Amino acid sequence: MMKNKSIKKVTKHFSDFSKEEEWLQSMLHKGWILKSYDSEDVDDCQYVFEPLNNEELQHVIYKIDFREFNKKEEFEEYKEIFQESGWTLLSKNKWYSKHIFYTTSANAQRDIFSDQSSYRDREKRKMSSSLMQAAIYLIGFIIFLVLYRIFERSAFGGVGIFSLFFSFKYLVDYYKHRKTLKSLL
């Protein structure tokens, strides 16, 4: 199978939105522009880059927001607000919670947030999501532990350990975003 050399796929996990934005900017300076990404909610995020062909695109600015939507209309309205401000959204649909924006406009505001409270709100939304995920996986761990004790099947124990791992992973994410939130206060 022949691999397309004009595309670069990179899989990474970030717990800090600022560091992720910096990394995207560094990839741009290395000659790679972000074209798409897969949501990071379950595991690491896969970024798809293409070579930078247009001189104008060297001045792209990336910014990230974290927001969950229940309705497609809410997502479309969100997208439209940012498009009117000169930002392009790379999220494919409302199921994404991490939304990466970029702008090429010199006239666009250099940031997607107008004040510090918006940054704090983003961190609070991410903390809440991480804590919810940790709780769900912890409950899963308890359920599988009980099933393992009742039925003495190693498969239940294995899935339980897997659930416990993800619970810790999301707790670590929670505390990293909590630390970032405290630095914004």
C-alpha atoms as a PDB file:
ATOM      1  CA  MET A   1       0.000   0.000   0.000  1.00  0.00           C
ATOM      2  CA  MET A   2       1.449   3.332  -1.073  1.00  0.00           C
ATOM      3  CA  LYS A   3       1.476   6.105   1.498  1.00  0.00           C
ATOM      4  CA  ASN A   4       0.637   9.653   0.428  1.00  0.00           C
ATOM      5  CA  LYS A   5       3.786  11.706   1.075  1.00  0.00           C
ATOM      6  CA  SER A   6       1.901  14.983   0.879  1.00  0.00           C
ATOM      7  CA  ILE A   7       0.050  14.202   4.097  1.00  0.00           C
ATOM      8  CA  LYS A   8       1.537  13.934   7.573  1.00  0.00           C
ATOM      9  CA  LYS A   9      -0.440  12.310  10.383  1.00  0.00           C
ATOM     10  CA  VAL A  10       0.629  12.916  13.948  1.00  0.00           C
ATOM     11  CA  THR A  11      -1.014  11.380  17.012  1.00  0.00           C
ATOM     12  CA  LYS A  12      -0.597  13.295  20.275  1.00  0.00           C
ATOM     13  CA  HIS A  13      -2.404  14.024  23.513  1.00  0.00           C
ATOM     14  CA  PHE A  14      -2.432  17.442  25.121  1.00  0.00           C
ATOM     15  CA  SER A  15      -3.792  18.436  28.502  1.00  0.00           C
ATOM     16  CA  ASP A  16      -2.985  22.100  28.004  1.00  0.00           C
ATOM     17  CA  PHE A  17      -4.732  24.051  25.266  1.00  0.00           C
ATOM     18  CA  SER A  18      -1.989  26.714  25.137  1.00  0.00           C
ATOM     19  CA  LYS A  19       0.716  24.101  24.559  1.00  0.00           C
ATOM     20  CA  GLU A  20      -1.401  22.493  21.861  1.00  0.00           C
ATOM     21  CA  GLU A  21      -1.820  25.855  20.122  1.00  0.00           C
ATOM     22  CA  GLU A  22       1.941  26.459  20.372  1.00  0.00           C
ATOM     23  CA  TRP A  23       2.640  23.016  18.901  1.00  0.00           C
ATOM     24  CA  LEU A  24       0.259  23.676  15.983  1.00  0.00           C
ATOM     25  CA  GLN A  25       2.054  26.984  15.351  1.00  0.00           C
ATOM     26  CA  SER A  26       5.438  25.205  15.443  1.00  0.00           C
ATOM     27  CA  MET A  27       4.193  22.653  12.893  1.00  0.00           C
ATOM     28  CA  LEU A  28       3.148  25.567  10.675  1.00  0.00           C
ATOM     29  CA  HIS A  29       6.626  27.102  10.978  1.00  0.00           C
ATOM     30  CA  LYS A  30       8.067  23.726   9.947  1.00  0.00           C
ATOM     31  CA  GLY A  31       5.965  23.902   6.768  1.00  0.00           C
ATOM     32  CA  TRP A  32       2.896  21.833   7.766  1.00  0.00           C
ATOM     33  CA  ILE A  33      -0.624  23.244   7.894  1.00  0.00           C
ATOM     34  CA  LEU A  34      -3.376  21.497   9.851  1.00  0.00           C
ATOM     35  CA  LYS A  35      -6.181  20.263   7.597  1.00  0.00           C
ATOM     36  CA  SER A  36      -8.201  18.086   9.977  1.00  0.00           C
ATOM     37  CA  TYR A  37      -8.118  16.228  13.255  1.00  0.00           C
ATOM     38  CA  ASP A  38      -9.971  13.472  15.050  1.00  0.00           C
ATOM     39  CA  SER A  39     -11.529  14.232  18.394  1.00  0.00           C
ATOM     40  CA  GLU A  40      -9.340  13.469  21.381  1.00  0.00           C
ATOM     41  CA  ASP A  41     -12.115  12.515  23.771  1.00  0.00           C
ATOM     42  CA  VAL A  42     -11.486   8.761  23.912  1.00  0.00           C
ATOM     43  CA  ASP A  43      -7.758   8.624  23.316  1.00  0.00           C
ATOM     44  CA  ASP A  44      -5.021  10.629  21.670  1.00  0.00           C
ATOM     45  CA  CYS A  45      -5.917  13.079  18.942  1.00  0.00           C
ATOM     46  CA  GLN A  46      -4.762  12.434  15.386  1.00  0.00           C
ATOM     47  CA  TYR A  47      -3.807  15.565  13.450  1.00  0.00           C
ATOM     48  CA  VAL A  48      -3.623  15.558   9.656  1.00  0.00           C
ATOM     49  CA  PHE A  49      -1.217  18.048   8.095  1.00  0.00           C
ATOM     50  CA  GLU A  50      -0.471  18.999   4.505  1.00  0.00           C
ATOM     51  CA  PRO A  51       2.618  20.790   3.233  1.00  0.00           C
ATOM     52  CA  LEU A  52       2.363  24.555   3.286  1.00  0.00           C
ATOM     53  CA  ASN A  53       2.098  25.638  -0.359  1.00  0.00           C
ATOM     54  CA  ASN A  54       0.768  29.152  -0.052  1.00  0.00           C
ATOM     55  CA  GLU A  55       2.981  31.956   1.277  1.00  0.00           C
ATOM     56  CA  GLU A  56      -0.118  33.676   2.655  1.00  0.00           C
ATOM     57  CA  LEU A  57      -0.861  30.735   4.937  1.00  0.00           C
ATOM     58  CA  GLN A  58       2.391  31.213   6.879  1.00  0.00           C
ATOM     59  CA  HIS A  59       0.504  33.744   8.994  1.00  0.00           C
ATOM     60  CA  VAL A  60      -2.222  31.345  10.125  1.00  0.00           C
ATOM     61  CA  ILE A  61      -3.137  31.558  13.784  1.00  0.00           C
ATOM     62  CA  TYR A  62      -4.614  28.557  15.610  1.00  0.00           C
ATOM     63  CA  LYS A  63      -6.865  28.781  18.669  1.00  0.00           C
ATOM     64  CA  ILE A  64      -8.759  26.099  20.593  1.00  0.00           C
ATOM     65  CA  ASP A  65     -12.059  26.122  22.433  1.00  0.00           C
ATOM     66  CA  PHE A  66     -13.720  23.374  24.432  1.00  0.00           C
ATOM     67  CA  ARG A  67     -17.488  23.241  24.202  1.00  0.00           C
ATOM     68  CA  GLU A  68     -20.084  20.486  23.981  1.00  0.00           C
ATOM     69  CA  PHE A  69     -23.314  20.801  22.003  1.00  0.00           C
ATOM     70  CA  ASN A  70     -26.576  18.928  22.373  1.00  0.00           C
ATOM     71  CA  LYS A  71     -28.161  20.206  19.177  1.00  0.00           C
ATOM     72  CA  LYS A  72     -26.835  20.637  15.678  1.00  0.00           C
ATOM     73  CA  GLU A  73     -28.410  24.105  15.531  1.00  0.00           C
ATOM     74  CA  GLU A  74     -26.313  25.231  18.525  1.00  0.00           C
ATOM     75  CA  PHE A  75     -23.164  23.991  16.800  1.00  0.00           C
ATOM     76  CA  GLU A  76     -24.079  25.722  13.531  1.00  0.00           C
ATOM     77  CA  GLU A  77     -24.766  29.005  15.348  1.00  0.00           C
ATOM     78  CA  TYR A  78     -21.445  28.702  17.195  1.00  0.00           C
ATOM     79  CA  LYS A  79     -19.637  28.063  13.915  1.00  0.00           C
ATOM     80  CA  GLU A  80     -21.360  30.999  12.207  1.00  0.00           C
ATOM     81  CA  ILE A  81     -20.449  33.461  14.971  1.00  0.00           C
ATOM     82  CA  PHE A  82     -16.769  32.644  14.588  1.00  0.00           C
ATOM     83  CA  GLN A  83     -16.889  32.660  10.782  1.00  0.00           C
ATOM     84  CA  GLU A  84     -18.326  36.173  10.881  1.00  0.00           C
ATOM     85  CA  SER A  85     -15.335  37.161  13.020  1.00  0.00           C
ATOM     86  CA  GLY A  86     -12.841  35.776  10.505  1.00  0.00           C
ATOM     87  CA  TRP A  87     -12.200  32.351  12.050  1.00  0.00           C
ATOM     88  CA  THR A  88     -12.586  28.974  10.322  1.00  0.00           C
ATOM     89  CA  LEU A  89     -13.613  25.980  12.392  1.00  0.00           C
ATOM     90  CA  LEU A  90     -11.964  22.617  11.686  1.00  0.00           C
ATOM     91  CA  SER A  91     -14.388  20.554  13.835  1.00  0.00           C
ATOM     92  CA  LYS A  92     -16.334  18.178  11.628  1.00  0.00           C
ATOM     93  CA  ASN A  93     -19.557  18.123  13.633  1.00  0.00           C
ATOM     94  CA  LYS A  94     -21.288  18.811  16.942  1.00  0.00           C
ATOM     95  CA  TRP A  95     -19.942  15.619  18.517  1.00  0.00           C
ATOM     96  CA  TYR A  96     -16.498  17.155  18.883  1.00  0.00           C
ATOM     97  CA  SER A  97     -15.877  18.914  22.163  1.00  0.00           C
ATOM     98  CA  LYS A  98     -12.465  20.320  21.267  1.00  0.00           C
ATOM     99  CA  HIS A  99     -12.817  22.890  18.497  1.00  0.00           C
ATOM    100  CA  ILE A 100      -9.741  24.070  16.639  1.00  0.00           C
ATOM    101  CA  PHE A 101     -10.046  27.374  14.799  1.00  0.00           C
ATOM    102  CA  TYR A 102      -7.690  29.137  12.453  1.00  0.00           C
ATOM    103  CA  THR A 103      -7.598  32.490  10.752  1.00  0.00           C
ATOM    104  CA  THR A 104      -5.566  33.895   7.897  1.00  0.00           C
ATOM    105  CA  SER A 105      -7.074  37.354   8.160  1.00  0.00           C
ATOM    106  CA  ALA A 106      -4.802  40.142   9.332  1.00  0.00           C
ATOM    107  CA  ASN A 107      -7.932  42.011  10.441  1.00  0.00           C
ATOM    108  CA  ALA A 108      -9.283  39.235  12.656  1.00  0.00           C
ATOM    109  CA  GLN A 109      -8.850  39.581  16.391  1.00  0.00           C
ATOM    110  CA  ARG A 110      -5.718  37.642  17.359  1.00  0.00           C
ATOM    111  CA  ASP A 111      -7.659  35.560  19.854  1.00  0.00           C
ATOM    112  CA  ILE A 112     -11.037  33.811  19.937  1.00  0.00           C
ATOM    113  CA  PHE A 113     -11.665  34.983  23.497  1.00  0.00           C
ATOM    114  CA  SER A 114     -12.176  38.603  24.400  1.00  0.00           C
ATOM    115  CA  ASP A 115     -11.405  38.319  28.114  1.00  0.00           C
ATOM    116  CA  GLN A 116      -9.865  36.168  30.855  1.00  0.00           C
ATOM    117  CA  SER A 117     -13.237  34.899  32.060  1.00  0.00           C
ATOM    118  CA  SER A 118     -13.695  33.160  28.684  1.00  0.00           C
ATOM    119  CA  TYR A 119     -10.424  31.297  29.227  1.00  0.00           C
ATOM    120  CA  ARG A 120     -11.551  30.331  32.716  1.00  0.00           C
ATOM    121  CA  ASP A 121     -14.916  29.134  31.369  1.00  0.00           C
ATOM    122  CA  ARG A 122     -13.130  26.935  28.798  1.00  0.00           C
ATOM    123  CA  GLU A 123     -11.006  25.348  31.520  1.00  0.00           C
ATOM    124  CA  LYS A 124     -14.075  24.815  33.730  1.00  0.00           C
ATOM    125  CA  ARG A 125     -15.907  23.083  30.852  1.00  0.00           C
ATOM    126  CA  LYS A 126     -12.918  20.794  30.254  1.00  0.00           C
ATOM    127  CA  MET A 127     -12.565  20.060  33.980  1.00  0.00           C
ATOM    128  CA  SER A 128     -16.255  19.183  34.226  1.00  0.00           C
ATOM    129  CA  SER A 129     -16.027  16.880  31.202  1.00  0.00           C
ATOM    130  CA  SER A 130     -12.895  15.151  32.538  1.00  0.00           C
ATOM    131  CA  LEU A 131     -14.439  14.653  35.965  1.00  0.00           C
ATOM    132  CA  MET A 132     -17.596  13.184  34.406  1.00  0.00           C
ATOM    133  CA  GLN A 133     -15.529  10.777  32.290  1.00  0.00           C
ATOM    134  CA  ALA A 134     -13.468   9.742  35.329  1.00  0.00           C
ATOM    135  CA  ALA A 135     -16.649   9.035  37.299  1.00  0.00           C
ATOM    136  CA  ILE A 136     -18.162   6.972  34.474  1.00  0.00           C
ATOM    137  CA  TYR A 137     -15.028   4.833  34.142  1.00  0.00           C
ATOM    138  CA  LEU A 138     -14.785   4.456  37.922  1.00  0.00           C
ATOM    139  CA  ILE A 139     -18.386   3.249  38.062  1.00  0.00           C
ATOM    140  CA  GLY A 140     -17.548   0.856  35.217  1.00  0.00           C
ATOM    141  CA  PHE A 141     -14.576  -0.417  37.223  1.00  0.00           C
ATOM    142  CA  ILE A 142     -16.798  -1.083  40.255  1.00  0.00           C
ATOM    143  CA  ILE A 143     -19.416  -2.872  38.130  1.00  0.00           C
ATOM    144  CA  PHE A 144     -16.802  -5.097  36.481  1.00  0.00           C
ATOM    145  CA  LEU A 145     -15.144  -5.779  39.819  1.00  0.00           C
ATOM    146  CA  VAL A 146     -18.491  -6.955  41.230  1.00  0.00           C
ATOM    147  CA  LEU A 147     -19.121  -9.086  38.120  1.00  0.00           C
ATOM    148  CA  TYR A 148     -15.634 -10.571  38.457  1.00  0.00           C
ATOM    149  CA  ARG A 149     -16.300 -11.458  42.115  1.00  0.00           C
ATOM    150  CA  ILE A 150     -19.692 -13.012  41.289  1.00  0.00           C
ATOM    151  CA  PHE A 151     -18.793 -14.955  38.141  1.00  0.00           C
ATOM    152  CA  GLU A 152     -15.025 -15.377  38.625  1.00  0.00           C
ATOM    153  CA  ARG A 153     -14.322 -14.616  34.972  1.00  0.00           C
ATOM    154  CA  SER A 154     -10.998 -12.999  34.208  1.00  0.00           C
ATOM    155  CA  ALA A 155     -12.517 -11.032  31.317  1.00  0.00           C
ATOM    156  CA  PHE A 156     -14.511  -8.956  33.817  1.00  0.00           C
ATOM    157  CA  GLY A 157     -11.338  -8.282  35.783  1.00  0.00           C
ATOM    158  CA  GLY A 158      -9.455  -7.253  32.655  1.00  0.00           C
ATOM    159  CA  VAL A 159     -12.145  -4.850  31.514  1.00  0.00           C
ATOM    160  CA  GLY A 160     -12.340  -3.524  35.074  1.00  0.00           C
ATOM    161  CA  ILE A 161      -8.610  -2.759  35.124  1.00  0.00           C
ATOM    162  CA  PHE A 162      -8.977  -1.081  31.724  1.00  0.00           C
ATOM    163  CA  SER A 163     -11.802   1.087  33.145  1.00  0.00           C
ATOM    164  CA  LEU A 164      -9.698   1.986  36.179  1.00  0.00           C
ATOM    165  CA  PHE A 165      -6.832   3.080  33.906  1.00  0.00           C
ATOM    166  CA  PHE A 166      -9.112   5.441  31.968  1.00  0.00           C
ATOM    167  CA  SER A 167     -10.576   6.762  35.210  1.00  0.00           C
ATOM    168  CA  PHE A 168      -7.070   7.754  36.353  1.00  0.00           C
ATOM    169  CA  LYS A 169      -6.281   9.200  32.932  1.00  0.00           C
ATOM    170  CA  TYR A 170      -9.278  11.531  33.101  1.00  0.00           C
ATOM    171  CA  LEU A 171      -8.530  12.451  36.735  1.00  0.00           C
ATOM    172  CA  VAL A 172      -5.038  13.496  35.713  1.00  0.00           C
ATOM    173  CA  ASP A 173      -6.562  15.598  32.909  1.00  0.00           C
ATOM    174  CA  TYR A 174      -8.933  17.154  35.445  1.00  0.00           C
ATOM    175  CA  TYR A 175      -6.083  18.167  37.755  1.00  0.00           C
ATOM    176  CA  LYS A 176      -3.984  19.554  34.895  1.00  0.00           C
ATOM    177  CA  HIS A 177      -6.861  21.783  33.775  1.00  0.00           C
ATOM    178  CA  ARG A 178      -7.536  22.734  37.394  1.00  0.00           C
ATOM    179  CA  LYS A 179      -3.924  23.871  37.679  1.00  0.00           C
ATOM    180  CA  THR A 180      -4.313  25.901  34.485  1.00  0.00           C
ATOM    181  CA  LEU A 181      -7.533  27.437  35.824  1.00  0.00           C
ATOM    182  CA  LYS A 182      -5.776  28.465  39.041  1.00  0.00           C
ATOM    183  CA  SER A 183      -3.041  30.141  37.006  1.00  0.00           C
ATOM    184  CA  LEU A 184      -5.743  32.209  35.234  1.00  0.00           C
ATOM    185  CA  LEU A 185      -7.239  33.458  38.511  1.00  0.00           C
END
